[in-house]
Protein backbone atom coordinates (compact mmCIF):
# COMPACT_ATOMS: atom_id res chain seq x y z
CA SER A 1 61.29 83.28 43.84
CA GLU A 2 62.17 86.90 43.55
CA LEU A 3 62.18 88.15 40.05
CA ASN A 4 65.70 88.73 38.69
CA LEU A 5 65.61 90.71 35.30
CA VAL A 6 69.24 90.20 34.60
CA ASN A 7 69.53 86.50 35.27
CA PRO A 8 65.97 85.09 35.43
CA SER A 9 65.34 81.54 36.70
CA LEU A 10 62.69 79.35 35.25
CA ILE A 11 60.27 80.33 37.91
CA ASP A 12 61.02 83.98 37.22
CA VAL A 13 60.27 83.70 33.55
CA LEU A 14 57.09 81.79 34.26
CA ASN A 15 55.85 84.48 36.62
CA ARG A 16 56.29 86.95 33.70
CA THR A 17 54.90 84.82 30.91
CA ASP A 18 52.12 82.93 32.56
CA PRO A 19 50.14 85.17 34.98
CA GLN A 20 47.85 82.33 35.96
CA GLY A 21 50.82 80.35 37.25
CA ALA A 22 49.24 77.18 35.86
CA VAL A 23 52.50 75.17 35.42
CA THR A 24 54.46 76.62 38.34
CA PRO A 25 53.65 73.83 40.74
CA ILE A 26 54.97 71.27 38.32
CA ILE A 27 58.17 73.21 37.83
CA GLU A 28 58.67 73.35 41.59
CA GLN A 29 58.32 69.55 41.65
CA LEU A 30 60.92 69.21 38.94
CA GLU A 31 63.30 71.60 40.82
CA GLN A 32 63.28 69.23 43.85
CA THR A 33 65.01 66.51 41.81
CA ASN A 34 66.81 68.66 39.31
CA PRO A 35 69.02 71.25 41.06
CA ILE A 36 70.14 72.74 37.74
CA LEU A 37 66.61 74.15 37.30
CA GLN A 38 67.22 76.20 40.39
CA HIS A 39 70.41 77.56 39.14
CA ALA A 40 70.09 77.95 35.30
CA THR A 41 69.03 81.29 33.69
CA TYR A 42 66.80 81.37 30.74
CA THR A 43 66.57 83.60 27.65
CA GLU A 44 64.18 83.73 24.68
CA CYS A 45 65.64 82.82 21.42
CA ASN A 46 66.19 85.81 19.08
CA ASP A 47 65.63 83.88 15.83
CA GLY A 48 62.65 81.57 16.10
CA THR A 49 63.84 78.28 17.44
CA LYS A 50 67.47 79.35 17.17
CA HIS A 51 69.55 81.80 18.99
CA LYS A 52 72.30 83.85 17.41
CA THR A 53 75.05 85.21 19.50
CA SER A 54 78.92 85.38 19.44
CA ILE A 55 81.66 83.97 21.52
CA ARG A 56 84.55 86.24 22.47
CA THR A 57 87.84 84.70 21.48
CA GLY A 58 90.27 87.61 22.01
CA ILE A 59 90.56 90.71 24.06
CA PRO A 60 91.85 93.97 22.57
CA GLU A 61 95.19 95.32 23.84
CA PRO A 62 95.96 99.12 24.13
CA ALA A 63 99.34 100.72 23.32
CA PHE A 64 101.40 103.58 24.64
CA ARG A 65 101.07 106.86 22.75
CA ARG A 66 103.57 109.73 22.13
CA TYR A 67 102.50 113.22 21.83
CA ASN A 68 101.30 114.22 18.39
CA GLN A 69 101.28 110.42 17.37
CA GLY A 70 98.35 108.09 17.19
CA VAL A 71 97.70 104.52 18.01
CA GLN A 72 96.25 101.74 16.05
CA PRO A 73 92.59 101.11 16.76
CA SER A 74 91.79 97.67 18.17
CA LYS A 75 88.71 95.54 18.69
CA SER A 76 87.77 92.23 20.44
CA GLN A 77 87.82 88.98 18.51
CA VAL A 78 84.43 87.30 18.36
CA VAL A 79 83.02 84.24 16.57
CA PRO A 80 79.38 84.15 15.62
CA ILE A 81 77.51 81.02 16.62
CA THR A 82 73.97 79.79 16.33
CA ASP A 83 72.53 77.51 19.04
CA THR A 84 69.37 75.47 18.48
CA THR A 85 66.48 74.26 20.61
CA GLY A 86 64.99 70.87 20.59
CA MET A 87 61.36 69.81 21.05
CA ILE A 88 61.06 66.98 23.72
CA GLU A 89 57.55 65.43 23.80
CA ASP A 90 55.78 62.46 25.37
CA TYR A 91 52.25 61.22 25.98
CA ASN A 92 50.73 59.18 28.76
CA GLU A 93 47.61 57.14 28.62
CA VAL A 94 45.81 55.27 31.43
CA ASP A 95 42.77 53.07 31.43
CA ALA A 96 39.82 55.25 32.58
CA ALA A 97 38.25 52.41 34.54
CA LEU A 98 41.51 51.88 36.44
CA ALA A 99 42.05 55.51 37.18
CA ASN A 100 38.46 55.72 38.42
CA LEU A 101 38.78 52.61 40.56
CA ASN A 102 39.90 54.40 43.80
CA GLY A 103 37.41 57.21 43.34
CA ASN A 104 39.99 59.93 42.52
CA ALA A 105 41.05 59.71 38.93
CA LYS A 106 42.97 63.00 39.14
CA ALA A 107 45.20 61.78 42.02
CA PHE A 108 45.92 58.54 40.21
CA ARG A 109 46.81 60.30 37.01
CA MET A 110 49.25 62.58 38.95
CA THR A 111 51.14 59.57 40.23
CA GLU A 112 51.56 58.55 36.57
CA SER A 113 52.60 62.12 35.52
CA LYS A 114 55.24 62.11 38.21
CA ALA A 115 57.02 59.30 36.53
CA VAL A 116 56.80 61.03 33.22
CA MET A 117 58.13 64.26 34.66
CA GLN A 118 61.12 62.38 36.22
CA GLY A 119 61.82 60.78 32.73
CA PHE A 120 61.88 64.30 31.23
CA ASN A 121 64.04 65.43 34.12
CA ASN A 122 66.59 62.66 33.53
CA PHE A 123 66.51 63.23 29.69
CA VAL A 124 67.11 66.93 29.92
CA ASN A 125 69.81 66.65 32.50
CA THR A 126 71.71 64.30 30.25
CA GLN A 127 71.30 66.49 27.18
CA LEU A 128 72.56 69.56 28.98
CA PHE A 129 75.87 67.84 29.32
CA TYR A 130 76.13 65.28 26.51
CA GLY A 131 73.63 66.46 23.83
CA SER A 132 75.21 66.80 20.44
CA THR A 133 73.54 68.00 17.23
CA LYS A 134 76.09 66.00 15.28
CA VAL A 135 74.56 62.82 16.87
CA THR A 136 70.92 64.07 17.15
CA PRO A 137 70.24 66.95 14.60
CA ASP A 138 66.80 67.64 16.23
CA GLY A 139 68.36 68.20 19.71
CA PHE A 140 70.74 70.79 20.96
CA MET A 141 74.38 71.03 21.87
CA GLY A 142 75.38 70.24 25.40
CA LEU A 143 78.50 71.23 27.30
CA ALA A 144 80.65 68.12 26.90
CA PRO A 145 81.02 68.47 23.04
CA ARG A 146 81.96 72.17 23.58
CA PHE A 147 84.71 71.18 26.02
CA SER A 148 86.11 68.07 24.45
CA GLU A 149 89.80 68.73 23.53
CA LEU A 150 92.75 69.14 25.70
CA SER A 151 94.69 71.27 23.15
CA GLY A 152 94.31 73.03 19.86
CA THR A 153 91.16 74.98 20.80
CA ALA A 154 90.63 78.45 22.45
CA ASN A 155 88.95 76.88 25.57
CA ALA A 156 91.35 74.04 26.05
CA ARG A 157 92.89 75.68 29.15
CA GLN A 158 89.47 75.37 30.94
CA ILE A 159 89.78 71.57 30.65
CA LYS A 160 91.94 69.80 33.30
CA ASP A 161 93.09 66.24 32.80
CA ALA A 162 92.85 63.96 35.78
CA GLY A 163 94.79 61.19 34.04
CA GLY A 164 92.20 58.53 33.32
CA THR A 165 92.72 56.55 30.00
CA GLY A 166 89.88 54.03 29.93
CA SER A 167 86.13 54.33 29.47
CA ASN A 168 85.09 54.53 33.16
CA ASN A 169 85.86 58.19 33.54
CA ALA A 170 83.84 61.02 35.16
CA SER A 171 84.02 64.84 35.07
CA ILE A 172 83.73 67.70 37.47
CA TRP A 173 82.01 70.80 36.08
CA PHE A 174 82.26 74.43 37.13
CA ILE A 175 79.33 76.24 35.34
CA THR A 176 78.47 79.99 35.58
CA TRP A 177 74.77 80.62 34.89
CA SER A 178 74.29 84.22 33.66
CA ASP A 179 73.59 86.23 30.50
CA MET A 180 77.39 86.70 30.11
CA CYS A 181 78.16 82.94 30.21
CA CYS A 182 75.70 79.98 30.08
CA GLN A 183 71.98 80.13 29.62
CA LEU A 184 69.18 77.84 28.67
CA LEU A 185 66.94 78.72 25.65
CA TYR A 186 63.30 78.56 24.73
CA PRO A 187 61.84 79.39 21.28
CA LYS A 188 60.73 82.84 20.62
CA GLY A 189 57.16 83.43 21.47
CA SER A 190 56.65 80.05 23.10
CA LYS A 191 55.92 78.96 26.67
CA VAL A 192 59.06 78.30 28.74
CA GLY A 193 59.80 75.17 30.55
CA PHE A 194 57.97 71.87 31.00
CA GLN A 195 54.39 72.01 29.60
CA HIS A 196 51.55 69.65 30.60
CA THR A 197 48.18 69.45 28.81
CA ASP A 198 45.27 67.39 30.04
CA LYS A 199 43.95 66.07 26.63
CA THR A 200 40.81 64.52 28.37
CA PRO A 201 39.70 67.20 30.96
CA GLY A 202 36.77 65.89 32.94
CA GLN A 203 35.71 63.00 30.60
CA PRO A 204 37.80 60.16 29.00
CA LYS A 205 37.95 59.61 25.36
CA THR A 206 37.62 56.41 23.24
CA LYS A 207 40.75 54.94 21.87
CA ASP A 208 40.84 52.62 18.85
CA LEU A 209 43.11 49.73 19.42
CA LEU A 210 45.09 47.85 16.80
CA ASP A 211 43.01 44.76 16.95
CA GLY A 212 39.71 46.79 16.15
CA LYS A 213 38.71 46.99 19.79
CA LYS A 214 37.99 50.17 21.80
CA MET A 215 38.63 51.36 25.35
CA GLU A 216 38.14 54.47 27.34
CA ILE A 217 41.31 56.33 28.41
CA TYR A 218 42.54 59.48 30.04
CA GLU A 219 45.43 61.16 28.01
CA ASP A 220 48.12 63.65 29.01
CA HIS A 221 50.60 65.40 26.74
CA TYR A 222 53.94 66.63 27.84
CA LYS A 223 56.48 68.84 26.08
CA TRP A 224 59.61 70.83 26.77
CA ASP A 225 61.32 73.02 24.19
CA ILE A 226 64.80 73.75 25.31
CA GLY A 227 68.32 74.59 24.17
CA MET A 228 71.59 75.99 25.50
CA THR A 229 73.81 78.92 24.55
CA MET A 230 77.23 79.85 25.94
CA ARG A 231 78.63 83.42 25.35
CA ASP A 232 81.93 83.24 27.16
CA TRP A 233 83.71 79.94 27.99
CA ARG A 234 85.86 81.60 30.64
CA GLY A 235 83.04 81.08 33.19
CA ILE A 236 83.07 77.32 32.70
CA ALA A 237 85.74 74.64 33.56
CA ARG A 238 85.83 70.95 33.24
CA ILE A 239 87.97 68.42 35.14
CA CYS A 240 87.79 65.33 32.98
CA ASN A 241 89.29 61.79 32.76
CA ILE A 242 88.67 61.09 36.40
CA ASP A 243 89.07 57.32 36.60
CA ILE A 244 86.53 56.36 39.24
CA SER A 245 87.99 52.81 39.70
CA ASN A 246 91.30 54.44 40.98
CA LEU A 247 89.82 57.01 43.41
CA THR A 248 91.06 56.58 46.97
CA LYS A 249 90.06 58.56 50.05
CA ASP A 250 93.64 59.99 50.56
CA ALA A 251 94.44 60.50 46.83
CA SER A 252 97.45 58.13 47.19
CA ALA A 253 96.81 56.43 43.83
CA GLY A 254 93.95 58.01 41.90
CA ALA A 255 93.07 61.58 41.04
CA ASP A 256 93.67 64.20 43.68
CA LEU A 257 90.27 65.91 43.56
CA LEU A 258 91.08 68.77 45.78
CA ASP A 259 94.15 69.83 43.79
CA LEU A 260 92.26 69.50 40.47
CA LEU A 261 89.50 71.71 41.86
CA ILE A 262 92.08 74.42 42.60
CA ASP A 263 93.44 74.05 39.13
CA ALA A 264 89.98 74.37 37.49
CA GLU A 265 88.88 77.23 39.73
CA GLU A 266 91.96 79.39 38.91
CA GLU A 267 90.84 79.21 35.13
CA LEU A 268 87.58 80.92 35.81
CA ASP A 269 87.60 84.64 34.85
CA MET A 270 86.07 87.05 37.50
CA SER A 271 84.94 89.32 34.81
CA VAL A 272 82.64 86.55 33.60
CA THR A 273 81.66 84.84 36.95
CA THR A 274 80.85 88.24 38.77
CA GLY A 275 77.12 88.81 38.81
CA GLY A 276 76.25 85.23 37.92
CA LYS A 277 75.80 82.00 39.82
CA THR A 278 78.65 79.56 39.58
CA CYS A 279 78.01 76.01 40.70
CA ILE A 280 80.06 72.76 40.72
CA TYR A 281 78.40 69.65 39.51
CA VAL A 282 79.82 66.09 40.20
CA SER A 283 78.72 62.52 39.76
CA ARG A 284 77.58 60.20 42.71
CA THR A 285 81.06 58.41 42.99
CA VAL A 286 83.03 61.57 42.76
CA ALA A 287 80.82 63.32 45.37
CA LYS A 288 81.58 60.43 47.76
CA PHE A 289 85.37 60.47 47.29
CA LEU A 290 85.46 64.20 47.24
CA ARG A 291 84.18 64.30 50.88
CA LYS A 292 86.43 61.40 51.87
CA GLN A 293 89.53 63.10 50.54
CA ALA A 294 88.53 66.34 52.28
CA LEU A 295 88.43 64.39 55.70
CA ASN A 296 92.05 63.03 55.04
CA LYS A 297 93.53 66.40 54.06
CA VAL A 298 93.55 69.63 55.97
CA ASN A 299 91.53 71.85 53.71
CA VAL A 300 89.33 74.73 54.58
CA GLU A 301 88.00 75.24 51.11
CA LEU A 302 85.72 72.10 51.28
CA ARG A 303 83.05 72.19 53.91
CA VAL A 304 79.43 71.58 54.61
CA GLU A 305 77.04 74.48 55.31
CA GLU A 306 73.35 74.72 56.02
CA VAL A 307 71.56 76.88 53.40
CA ALA A 308 67.74 77.41 53.68
CA GLY A 309 67.56 74.31 55.89
CA LYS A 310 69.55 72.06 53.65
CA ARG A 311 73.00 70.63 54.00
CA VAL A 312 75.13 71.92 51.00
CA THR A 313 78.79 71.09 50.27
CA MET A 314 80.73 74.19 49.49
CA TRP A 315 84.09 74.53 47.73
CA GLY A 316 85.18 78.01 48.67
CA GLU A 317 82.28 80.24 47.55
CA TYR A 318 80.83 77.67 45.19
CA PRO A 319 78.20 75.16 46.09
CA VAL A 320 78.77 71.49 45.00
CA TYR A 321 75.86 69.45 43.76
CA ARG A 322 75.54 65.84 42.90
CA LEU A 323 73.96 65.01 39.51
CA ASP A 324 73.16 61.37 38.68
CA SER A 325 72.90 62.33 34.99
CA LEU A 326 76.69 62.89 34.94
CA LEU A 327 78.15 59.67 33.57
CA GLU A 328 80.93 57.62 35.06
CA THR A 329 81.48 55.80 31.76
CA GLU A 330 82.92 58.71 29.81
CA ALA A 331 85.53 58.01 27.17
CA GLN A 332 88.98 59.62 27.58
CA VAL A 333 89.09 63.27 26.60
CA ALA A 334 92.36 63.78 24.48
């Protein structure tokens, strides 16, 4: 993709940090099943495996001045925060004789690697939304823990309540990817993105089994060091407590998804979203009923367009993407 120095995507960063492009094909495969990798911007941590920044919590306000009189200086209100990255790793081993059986060990191992990559894909997607360092100290903080209270917090107004009270709720997310709002992190001085290392290039190695026996194997190592930082919450909105069991195609009983989208969109601040890429992410069931409700209600905001040869659902100027990692078993946000 074209290099964007302000809001670099994963491919952009790789093109700068890995001149050989060794891992680019793998990342392109991941992008096919993880749309967030096409949208998210990346930045290098400024403190090793951590990233120190600040969240703006207040805007300065000017005052009228009289001649020969001064005004009180003001400043914005910010809160310093430190975001962490987590090391995600896995290994894959295959029997060398089995891999060589069809005469193309490399091709066989690639089929195994695709499954591992999908596992990483699913895991990272889930952590981006639900990861919590309070639950997993070695991980990183996702979005849901940052937008988890309907009142009493500075960003509470960005959260819209769809009325669900049980434990089969879903959420809709507006996320702005930019250096002013939300970015993914990688440790300082490290390689960015998913990394694959062939531990047995050319020749298999001998593995000692627990029963004292031995076997020849091919081995691959996979890792992904990743985190998330958020500078300004005004570029993000969450519609929570969508009871999927009550959704109807005409919004006669369950949540009115179209009205809720309007409410959430109006909380986005253009000073934050301008220059970034704002996307909407929904779960599978929500995506289905969103389209059904649009067909039953005159609404020019929700439509389907063809972008780069693909059908993309649009809400106004924002593309809507289905993510299977978004749970439909969320507890009520109160």
